[in-house]
Amino acid sequence: MKYCQECGSMLEDRPLEHEGIVPFCPSCQEYRFPMYNVAVSMIVVNEANGKLLLVKQYGKDFNRLVAGYVNRGEKLEHAAARELNEEMNLTAAAIHFNRTAFYEPSNTLMCNFTVSVADDSAAAPNYEIDEYAWFTPEEARQAVKPGTLAGFFLNRYLEEG
């Protein structure tokens, strides 16, 4: 963050007691703590057969996890259930937090969950999903794009499973 989100003035780095160096707006006379986006991603598990859901989106030819941004004031678990329902028309049966990772390109803190669904019979992707498929855990490991945050989350999940 280089400019004040309130007045647009250039921020200065200044020390703040017990906080270290924090951006400061000389016009507003206020410290401006760094802001970032928060999103959820989900390892979706079909309880009926143990398969994992991967999707392709935005014209990209690689598999990723279902994901989406958290709305202001929304609980992370609610965002995970909402995004799964919006994007795939699936209802979460159980939600379990896994881990977080920061994604620098979009300034986003990604919060990863395992979300179980009773079965996949209601799956109906919305306009955001180009393709989707259910994979065995080992197939999913091979199908997700290496070096991605989705791959990181999926591999940690499978290693700890």
N, C-alpha and C. Protein backbone atom coordinates (compact mmCIF):
# COMPACT_ATOMS: atom_id res chain seq x y z
N MET A 1 0.85 -1.16 0.00
CA MET A 1 0.00 0.00 0.00
C MET A 1 0.90 1.23 0.00
N LYS A 2 0.82 2.03 -1.05
CA LYS A 2 1.66 3.21 -1.18
C LYS A 2 0.90 4.50 -0.91
N TYR A 3 -0.44 4.44 -1.08
CA TYR A 3 -1.24 5.63 -0.93
C TYR A 3 -2.35 5.41 0.10
N CYS A 4 -2.73 6.46 0.78
CA CYS A 4 -3.77 6.40 1.79
C CYS A 4 -5.10 6.05 1.14
N GLN A 5 -5.79 5.06 1.70
CA GLN A 5 -7.08 4.64 1.15
C GLN A 5 -8.18 5.65 1.43
N GLU A 6 -7.93 6.63 2.30
CA GLU A 6 -8.93 7.66 2.63
C GLU A 6 -8.76 8.91 1.78
N CYS A 7 -7.51 9.42 1.68
CA CYS A 7 -7.32 10.71 0.99
C CYS A 7 -6.43 10.62 -0.24
N GLY A 8 -5.73 9.52 -0.43
CA GLY A 8 -4.89 9.34 -1.62
C GLY A 8 -3.48 9.88 -1.47
N SER A 9 -3.12 10.43 -0.33
CA SER A 9 -1.77 10.95 -0.12
C SER A 9 -0.75 9.81 -0.07
N MET A 10 0.48 10.14 -0.46
CA MET A 10 1.57 9.17 -0.38
C MET A 10 1.83 8.84 1.09
N LEU A 11 1.93 7.56 1.40
CA LEU A 11 2.20 7.13 2.76
C LEU A 11 3.69 7.15 3.05
N GLU A 12 4.01 7.36 4.32
CA GLU A 12 5.39 7.33 4.80
C GLU A 12 5.53 6.18 5.78
N ASP A 13 6.69 5.55 5.79
CA ASP A 13 6.96 4.53 6.79
C ASP A 13 7.40 5.22 8.07
N ARG A 14 6.69 4.92 9.18
CA ARG A 14 7.04 5.51 10.47
C ARG A 14 6.97 4.43 11.55
N PRO A 15 7.80 4.57 12.56
CA PRO A 15 7.73 3.61 13.67
C PRO A 15 6.48 3.87 14.51
N LEU A 16 5.87 2.79 14.98
CA LEU A 16 4.72 2.87 15.88
C LEU A 16 5.04 1.95 17.06
N GLU A 17 4.96 2.49 18.25
CA GLU A 17 5.31 1.74 19.44
C GLU A 17 4.59 0.39 19.49
N HIS A 18 5.32 -0.67 19.74
CA HIS A 18 4.83 -2.05 19.84
C HIS A 18 4.39 -2.64 18.51
N GLU A 19 4.53 -1.93 17.40
CA GLU A 19 4.08 -2.42 16.10
C GLU A 19 5.20 -2.47 15.06
N GLY A 20 6.27 -1.71 15.26
CA GLY A 20 7.33 -1.63 14.26
C GLY A 20 7.06 -0.52 13.27
N ILE A 21 7.52 -0.70 12.05
CA ILE A 21 7.34 0.30 11.00
C ILE A 21 5.97 0.08 10.35
N VAL A 22 5.17 1.14 10.31
CA VAL A 22 3.80 1.07 9.78
C VAL A 22 3.59 2.24 8.84
N PRO A 23 2.91 2.04 7.70
CA PRO A 23 2.61 3.17 6.81
C PRO A 23 1.79 4.25 7.55
N PHE A 24 2.15 5.52 7.32
CA PHE A 24 1.50 6.64 7.99
C PHE A 24 1.08 7.68 6.95
N CYS A 25 -0.13 8.21 7.10
CA CYS A 25 -0.60 9.27 6.21
C CYS A 25 -0.36 10.62 6.86
N PRO A 26 0.52 11.44 6.27
CA PRO A 26 0.79 12.75 6.87
C PRO A 26 -0.40 13.71 6.75
N SER A 27 -1.28 13.50 5.78
CA SER A 27 -2.45 14.37 5.63
C SER A 27 -3.52 14.05 6.66
N CYS A 28 -3.84 12.76 6.84
CA CYS A 28 -4.87 12.34 7.79
C CYS A 28 -4.33 12.23 9.21
N GLN A 29 -3.00 12.18 9.34
CA GLN A 29 -2.35 11.97 10.62
C GLN A 29 -2.79 10.64 11.24
N GLU A 30 -2.86 9.59 10.40
CA GLU A 30 -3.30 8.27 10.83
C GLU A 30 -2.34 7.21 10.29
N TYR A 31 -2.12 6.18 11.10
CA TYR A 31 -1.40 5.01 10.62
C TYR A 31 -2.36 4.18 9.76
N ARG A 32 -1.85 3.64 8.69
CA ARG A 32 -2.66 2.82 7.77
C ARG A 32 -2.04 1.43 7.70
N PHE A 33 -2.62 0.52 8.47
CA PHE A 33 -2.10 -0.84 8.48
C PHE A 33 -2.34 -1.49 7.12
N PRO A 34 -1.40 -2.32 6.68
CA PRO A 34 -1.55 -2.97 5.37
C PRO A 34 -2.87 -3.74 5.28
N MET A 35 -3.49 -3.66 4.11
CA MET A 35 -4.74 -4.37 3.86
C MET A 35 -4.50 -5.41 2.78
N TYR A 36 -5.27 -6.47 2.83
CA TYR A 36 -5.16 -7.52 1.84
C TYR A 36 -6.51 -8.19 1.68
N ASN A 37 -6.64 -8.97 0.63
CA ASN A 37 -7.86 -9.72 0.38
C ASN A 37 -7.82 -11.03 1.17
N VAL A 38 -9.00 -11.59 1.41
CA VAL A 38 -9.09 -12.90 2.06
C VAL A 38 -9.98 -13.77 1.18
N ALA A 39 -9.50 -14.98 0.92
CA ALA A 39 -10.25 -15.92 0.09
C ALA A 39 -10.19 -17.31 0.72
N VAL A 40 -11.11 -18.16 0.29
CA VAL A 40 -11.12 -19.55 0.74
C VAL A 40 -10.89 -20.45 -0.47
N SER A 41 -10.25 -21.57 -0.22
CA SER A 41 -10.15 -22.62 -1.24
C SER A 41 -10.53 -23.92 -0.55
N MET A 42 -11.05 -24.85 -1.34
CA MET A 42 -11.60 -26.06 -0.75
C MET A 42 -11.12 -27.32 -1.41
N ILE A 43 -10.73 -28.26 -0.60
CA ILE A 43 -10.52 -29.63 -1.04
C ILE A 43 -11.88 -30.29 -0.81
N VAL A 44 -12.62 -30.49 -1.89
CA VAL A 44 -13.98 -31.02 -1.79
C VAL A 44 -13.92 -32.54 -1.91
N VAL A 45 -14.43 -33.22 -0.88
CA VAL A 45 -14.38 -34.67 -0.80
C VAL A 45 -15.80 -35.23 -0.89
N ASN A 46 -16.01 -36.14 -1.82
CA ASN A 46 -17.29 -36.83 -1.95
C ASN A 46 -17.30 -37.96 -0.92
N GLU A 47 -18.17 -37.85 0.10
CA GLU A 47 -18.22 -38.86 1.16
C GLU A 47 -18.62 -40.24 0.64
N ALA A 48 -19.37 -40.28 -0.46
CA ALA A 48 -19.86 -41.56 -0.98
C ALA A 48 -18.74 -42.41 -1.59
N ASN A 49 -17.74 -41.75 -2.20
CA ASN A 49 -16.71 -42.54 -2.88
C ASN A 49 -15.27 -42.08 -2.60
N GLY A 50 -15.09 -41.04 -1.79
CA GLY A 50 -13.76 -40.57 -1.44
C GLY A 50 -13.04 -39.78 -2.53
N LYS A 51 -13.75 -39.47 -3.62
CA LYS A 51 -13.11 -38.73 -4.71
C LYS A 51 -13.05 -37.24 -4.39
N LEU A 52 -12.10 -36.55 -5.04
CA LEU A 52 -11.84 -35.13 -4.83
C LEU A 52 -12.21 -34.34 -6.08
N LEU A 53 -12.78 -33.17 -5.87
CA LEU A 53 -13.23 -32.31 -6.96
C LEU A 53 -12.14 -31.33 -7.38
N LEU A 54 -11.87 -31.27 -8.68
CA LEU A 54 -11.01 -30.25 -9.25
C LEU A 54 -11.77 -29.57 -10.38
N VAL A 55 -11.48 -28.29 -10.57
CA VAL A 55 -12.19 -27.51 -11.59
C VAL A 55 -11.20 -26.80 -12.51
N LYS A 56 -11.68 -26.45 -13.69
CA LYS A 56 -10.95 -25.58 -14.62
C LYS A 56 -11.81 -24.33 -14.77
N GLN A 57 -11.13 -23.17 -14.77
CA GLN A 57 -11.85 -21.90 -14.82
C GLN A 57 -11.15 -20.89 -15.72
N TYR A 58 -11.93 -19.90 -16.14
CA TYR A 58 -11.42 -18.71 -16.82
C TYR A 58 -10.61 -19.03 -18.07
N GLY A 59 -10.98 -20.10 -18.77
CA GLY A 59 -10.30 -20.46 -20.01
C GLY A 59 -8.92 -21.05 -19.83
N LYS A 60 -8.52 -21.30 -18.60
CA LYS A 60 -7.20 -21.89 -18.33
C LYS A 60 -7.31 -23.40 -18.39
N ASP A 61 -6.28 -24.02 -18.96
CA ASP A 61 -6.31 -25.47 -19.14
C ASP A 61 -5.54 -26.20 -18.03
N PHE A 62 -5.87 -25.86 -16.79
CA PHE A 62 -5.29 -26.61 -15.68
C PHE A 62 -6.31 -26.70 -14.55
N ASN A 63 -6.14 -27.74 -13.76
CA ASN A 63 -7.05 -28.01 -12.64
C ASN A 63 -6.65 -27.22 -11.41
N ARG A 64 -7.67 -26.81 -10.69
CA ARG A 64 -7.48 -26.07 -9.45
C ARG A 64 -8.56 -26.46 -8.47
N LEU A 65 -8.47 -25.92 -7.26
CA LEU A 65 -9.50 -26.15 -6.25
C LEU A 65 -10.61 -25.12 -6.40
N VAL A 66 -11.79 -25.45 -5.95
CA VAL A 66 -12.88 -24.47 -5.87
C VAL A 66 -12.43 -23.41 -4.88
N ALA A 67 -12.62 -22.14 -5.22
CA ALA A 67 -12.16 -21.05 -4.37
C ALA A 67 -13.00 -19.80 -4.60
N GLY A 68 -12.91 -18.88 -3.68
CA GLY A 68 -13.61 -17.62 -3.84
C GLY A 68 -13.30 -16.66 -2.70
N TYR A 69 -13.63 -15.41 -2.92
CA TYR A 69 -13.34 -14.37 -1.93
C TYR A 69 -14.35 -14.38 -0.79
N VAL A 70 -13.87 -13.96 0.36
CA VAL A 70 -14.70 -13.84 1.56
C VAL A 70 -15.31 -12.44 1.55
N ASN A 71 -16.60 -12.35 1.79
CA ASN A 71 -17.28 -11.06 1.87
C ASN A 71 -16.99 -10.39 3.21
N ARG A 72 -17.04 -9.09 3.22
CA ARG A 72 -16.82 -8.32 4.45
C ARG A 72 -17.78 -8.81 5.55
N GLY A 73 -17.22 -9.14 6.71
CA GLY A 73 -18.02 -9.59 7.84
C GLY A 73 -18.42 -11.05 7.81
N GLU A 74 -18.07 -11.76 6.74
CA GLU A 74 -18.46 -13.16 6.58
C GLU A 74 -17.47 -14.09 7.29
N LYS A 75 -17.97 -15.12 7.93
CA LYS A 75 -17.11 -16.13 8.53
C LYS A 75 -16.50 -16.98 7.43
N LEU A 76 -15.28 -17.43 7.64
CA LEU A 76 -14.58 -18.22 6.62
C LEU A 76 -15.35 -19.48 6.25
N GLU A 77 -15.87 -20.19 7.26
CA GLU A 77 -16.61 -21.42 7.00
C GLU A 77 -17.85 -21.15 6.16
N HIS A 78 -18.51 -20.04 6.43
CA HIS A 78 -19.69 -19.67 5.63
C HIS A 78 -19.28 -19.39 4.18
N ALA A 79 -18.16 -18.69 4.01
CA ALA A 79 -17.68 -18.39 2.66
C ALA A 79 -17.37 -19.68 1.90
N ALA A 80 -16.76 -20.66 2.57
CA ALA A 80 -16.46 -21.94 1.91
C ALA A 80 -17.74 -22.63 1.46
N ALA A 81 -18.73 -22.71 2.34
CA ALA A 81 -20.00 -23.35 1.99
C ALA A 81 -20.72 -22.57 0.89
N ARG A 82 -20.71 -21.24 0.97
CA ARG A 82 -21.38 -20.41 -0.03
C ARG A 82 -20.73 -20.56 -1.40
N GLU A 83 -19.41 -20.47 -1.45
CA GLU A 83 -18.71 -20.57 -2.74
C GLU A 83 -18.94 -21.94 -3.39
N LEU A 84 -18.90 -23.00 -2.60
CA LEU A 84 -19.16 -24.34 -3.15
C LEU A 84 -20.57 -24.43 -3.71
N ASN A 85 -21.52 -23.85 -3.01
CA ASN A 85 -22.90 -23.88 -3.49
C ASN A 85 -23.08 -23.00 -4.73
N GLU A 86 -22.50 -21.81 -4.72
CA GLU A 86 -22.63 -20.91 -5.87
C GLU A 86 -21.97 -21.48 -7.12
N GLU A 87 -20.77 -22.01 -6.97
CA GLU A 87 -20.01 -22.46 -8.14
C GLU A 87 -20.39 -23.85 -8.61
N MET A 88 -20.79 -24.74 -7.69
CA MET A 88 -21.04 -26.14 -8.07
C MET A 88 -22.42 -26.66 -7.69
N ASN A 89 -23.24 -25.86 -7.02
CA ASN A 89 -24.57 -26.28 -6.56
C ASN A 89 -24.48 -27.48 -5.61
N LEU A 90 -23.40 -27.54 -4.85
CA LEU A 90 -23.22 -28.62 -3.87
C LEU A 90 -23.36 -28.05 -2.46
N THR A 91 -23.88 -28.86 -1.56
CA THR A 91 -24.08 -28.47 -0.17
C THR A 91 -23.03 -29.12 0.71
N ALA A 92 -22.38 -28.31 1.51
CA ALA A 92 -21.35 -28.81 2.42
C ALA A 92 -21.99 -29.62 3.54
N ALA A 93 -21.47 -30.83 3.77
CA ALA A 93 -21.93 -31.66 4.88
C ALA A 93 -21.06 -31.42 6.11
N ALA A 94 -19.77 -31.16 5.89
CA ALA A 94 -18.83 -30.88 6.97
C ALA A 94 -17.71 -30.00 6.42
N ILE A 95 -17.20 -29.13 7.28
CA ILE A 95 -16.13 -28.21 6.89
C ILE A 95 -15.04 -28.27 7.95
N HIS A 96 -13.79 -28.45 7.50
CA HIS A 96 -12.66 -28.55 8.42
C HIS A 96 -11.53 -27.65 7.91
N PHE A 97 -11.03 -26.76 8.76
CA PHE A 97 -9.93 -25.86 8.41
C PHE A 97 -8.63 -26.64 8.27
N ASN A 98 -7.85 -26.32 7.22
CA ASN A 98 -6.55 -26.96 7.01
C ASN A 98 -5.38 -26.02 7.33
N ARG A 99 -5.24 -24.96 6.55
CA ARG A 99 -4.08 -24.07 6.70
C ARG A 99 -4.29 -22.81 5.85
N THR A 100 -3.36 -21.88 5.98
CA THR A 100 -3.39 -20.66 5.17
C THR A 100 -2.08 -20.52 4.41
N ALA A 101 -2.10 -19.71 3.38
CA ALA A 101 -0.90 -19.33 2.65
C ALA A 101 -1.19 -17.98 2.00
N PHE A 102 -0.18 -17.14 1.90
CA PHE A 102 -0.36 -15.83 1.26
C PHE A 102 -0.03 -15.95 -0.21
N TYR A 103 -0.92 -15.41 -1.06
CA TYR A 103 -0.73 -15.44 -2.51
C TYR A 103 -0.41 -14.02 -2.97
N GLU A 104 0.87 -13.77 -3.16
CA GLU A 104 1.37 -12.43 -3.47
C GLU A 104 0.77 -11.80 -4.74
N PRO A 105 0.63 -12.54 -5.86
CA PRO A 105 0.14 -11.89 -7.08
C PRO A 105 -1.19 -11.15 -6.93
N SER A 106 -2.09 -11.63 -6.07
CA SER A 106 -3.36 -10.92 -5.89
C SER A 106 -3.50 -10.34 -4.47
N ASN A 107 -2.38 -10.33 -3.71
CA ASN A 107 -2.39 -9.77 -2.36
C ASN A 107 -3.50 -10.41 -1.53
N THR A 108 -3.52 -11.75 -1.54
CA THR A 108 -4.62 -12.49 -0.93
C THR A 108 -4.13 -13.52 0.08
N LEU A 109 -4.76 -13.51 1.26
CA LEU A 109 -4.54 -14.56 2.23
C LEU A 109 -5.53 -15.67 1.88
N MET A 110 -5.00 -16.83 1.46
CA MET A 110 -5.85 -17.97 1.10
C MET A 110 -6.00 -18.87 2.32
N CYS A 111 -7.25 -19.17 2.65
CA CYS A 111 -7.58 -20.02 3.79
C CYS A 111 -8.17 -21.31 3.23
N ASN A 112 -7.48 -22.41 3.46
CA ASN A 112 -7.88 -23.67 2.85
C ASN A 112 -8.66 -24.55 3.82
N PHE A 113 -9.70 -25.20 3.29
CA PHE A 113 -10.57 -26.07 4.06
C PHE A 113 -10.75 -27.40 3.33
N THR A 114 -11.09 -28.43 4.10
CA THR A 114 -11.63 -29.66 3.52
C THR A 114 -13.13 -29.56 3.70
N VAL A 115 -13.86 -29.73 2.61
CA VAL A 115 -15.32 -29.66 2.64
C VAL A 115 -15.86 -30.99 2.12
N SER A 116 -16.64 -31.66 2.94
CA SER A 116 -17.25 -32.93 2.54
C SER A 116 -18.65 -32.67 1.99
N VAL A 117 -18.99 -33.43 0.94
CA VAL A 117 -20.35 -33.42 0.41
C VAL A 117 -20.87 -34.86 0.46
N ALA A 118 -22.17 -35.01 0.68
CA ALA A 118 -22.75 -36.36 0.81
C ALA A 118 -22.60 -37.16 -0.48
N ASP A 119 -22.81 -36.51 -1.61
CA ASP A 119 -22.61 -37.13 -2.92
C ASP A 119 -22.54 -36.01 -3.95
N ASP A 120 -22.28 -36.38 -5.19
CA ASP A 120 -22.13 -35.35 -6.23
C ASP A 120 -23.31 -35.29 -7.20
N SER A 121 -24.42 -35.90 -6.85
CA SER A 121 -25.55 -35.98 -7.79
C SER A 121 -26.15 -34.61 -8.12
N ALA A 122 -26.01 -33.63 -7.24
CA ALA A 122 -26.58 -32.30 -7.49
C ALA A 122 -25.60 -31.37 -8.21
N ALA A 123 -24.39 -31.84 -8.50
CA ALA A 123 -23.37 -30.97 -9.10
C ALA A 123 -23.89 -30.35 -10.39
N ALA A 124 -23.84 -29.02 -10.43
CA ALA A 124 -24.25 -28.26 -11.61
C ALA A 124 -23.43 -26.97 -11.61
N PRO A 125 -22.33 -26.95 -12.35
CA PRO A 125 -21.43 -25.80 -12.30
C PRO A 125 -22.09 -24.53 -12.84
N ASN A 126 -21.71 -23.39 -12.25
CA ASN A 126 -22.21 -22.11 -12.76
C ASN A 126 -21.27 -21.60 -13.86
N TYR A 127 -21.47 -20.37 -14.27
CA TYR A 127 -20.72 -19.77 -15.38
C TYR A 127 -19.22 -19.64 -15.09
N GLU A 128 -18.81 -19.69 -13.83
CA GLU A 128 -17.40 -19.53 -13.49
C GLU A 128 -16.58 -20.79 -13.77
N ILE A 129 -17.23 -21.92 -13.88
CA ILE A 129 -16.55 -23.21 -14.05
C ILE A 129 -16.62 -23.64 -15.51
N ASP A 130 -15.46 -23.85 -16.13
CA ASP A 130 -15.41 -24.35 -17.51
C ASP A 130 -15.60 -25.86 -17.55
N GLU A 131 -14.92 -26.56 -16.66
CA GLU A 131 -15.00 -28.02 -16.57
C GLU A 131 -14.77 -28.43 -15.12
N TYR A 132 -15.26 -29.60 -14.78
CA TYR A 132 -14.97 -30.16 -13.46
C TYR A 132 -14.90 -31.67 -13.58
N ALA A 133 -14.20 -32.28 -12.63
CA ALA A 133 -14.11 -33.75 -12.59
C ALA A 133 -13.77 -34.18 -11.18
N TRP A 134 -14.16 -35.40 -10.87
CA TRP A 134 -13.85 -36.03 -9.59
C TRP A 134 -12.70 -37.00 -9.80
N PHE A 135 -11.72 -36.95 -8.91
CA PHE A 135 -10.51 -37.75 -9.03
C PHE A 135 -10.28 -38.54 -7.74
N THR A 136 -9.65 -39.70 -7.89
CA THR A 136 -9.16 -40.38 -6.69
C THR A 136 -8.07 -39.47 -6.11
N PRO A 137 -7.71 -39.64 -4.85
CA PRO A 137 -6.66 -38.78 -4.29
C PRO A 137 -5.35 -38.79 -5.11
N GLU A 138 -4.90 -39.96 -5.54
CA GLU A 138 -3.66 -40.01 -6.32
C GLU A 138 -3.84 -39.37 -7.69
N GLU A 139 -4.99 -39.58 -8.33
CA GLU A 139 -5.27 -38.92 -9.61
C GLU A 139 -5.28 -37.40 -9.44
N ALA A 140 -5.87 -36.92 -8.34
CA ALA A 140 -5.93 -35.48 -8.08
C ALA A 140 -4.53 -34.90 -7.92
N ARG A 141 -3.68 -35.62 -7.22
CA ARG A 141 -2.29 -35.17 -7.04
C ARG A 141 -1.61 -34.98 -8.40
N GLN A 142 -1.87 -35.91 -9.33
CA GLN A 142 -1.27 -35.83 -10.66
C GLN A 142 -1.94 -34.79 -11.54
N ALA A 143 -3.23 -34.52 -11.29
CA ALA A 143 -4.02 -33.65 -12.17
C ALA A 143 -3.90 -32.17 -11.85
N VAL A 144 -3.55 -31.84 -10.61
CA VAL A 144 -3.47 -30.43 -10.23
C VAL A 144 -2.15 -29.85 -10.75
N LYS A 145 -2.17 -28.59 -11.13
CA LYS A 145 -0.98 -27.96 -11.71
C LYS A 145 0.13 -27.85 -10.67
N PRO A 146 1.31 -28.38 -10.97
CA PRO A 146 2.44 -28.30 -10.04
C PRO A 146 2.85 -26.84 -9.79
N GLY A 147 3.33 -26.58 -8.59
CA GLY A 147 3.84 -25.25 -8.27
C GLY A 147 2.77 -24.21 -7.96
N THR A 148 1.51 -24.63 -7.90
CA THR A 148 0.43 -23.70 -7.60
C THR A 148 0.05 -23.80 -6.12
N LEU A 149 -0.68 -22.80 -5.66
CA LEU A 149 -1.19 -22.85 -4.30
C LEU A 149 -2.16 -24.02 -4.13
N ALA A 150 -2.96 -24.29 -5.17
CA ALA A 150 -3.87 -25.45 -5.12
C ALA A 150 -3.07 -26.73 -4.93
N GLY A 151 -1.96 -26.87 -5.64
CA GLY A 151 -1.10 -28.03 -5.50
C GLY A 151 -0.51 -28.13 -4.10
N PHE A 152 -0.08 -27.00 -3.57
CA PHE A 152 0.46 -26.97 -2.21
C PHE A 152 -0.58 -27.46 -1.21
N PHE A 153 -1.79 -26.89 -1.27
CA PHE A 153 -2.84 -27.28 -0.32
C PHE A 153 -3.21 -28.75 -0.48
N LEU A 154 -3.38 -29.20 -1.72
CA LEU A 154 -3.77 -30.58 -1.97
C LEU A 154 -2.71 -31.56 -1.49
N ASN A 155 -1.46 -31.28 -1.81
CA ASN A 155 -0.39 -32.19 -1.39
C ASN A 155 -0.24 -32.25 0.12
N ARG A 156 -0.36 -31.13 0.82
CA ARG A 156 -0.30 -31.16 2.29
C ARG A 156 -1.47 -31.99 2.85
N TYR A 157 -2.64 -31.80 2.27
CA TYR A 157 -3.82 -32.56 2.70
C TYR A 157 -3.59 -34.07 2.52
N LEU A 158 -3.10 -34.46 1.35
CA LEU A 158 -2.87 -35.88 1.07
C LEU A 158 -1.75 -36.46 1.94
N GLU A 159 -0.72 -35.68 2.22
CA GLU A 159 0.37 -36.17 3.06
C GLU A 159 -0.06 -36.36 4.50
N GLU A 160 -1.01 -35.56 4.96
CA GLU A 160 -1.44 -35.64 6.35
C GLU A 160 -2.61 -36.59 6.53
N GLY A 161 -3.29 -36.93 5.41
CA GLY A 161 -4.50 -37.74 5.43
C GLY A 161 -4.34 -39.05 6.05
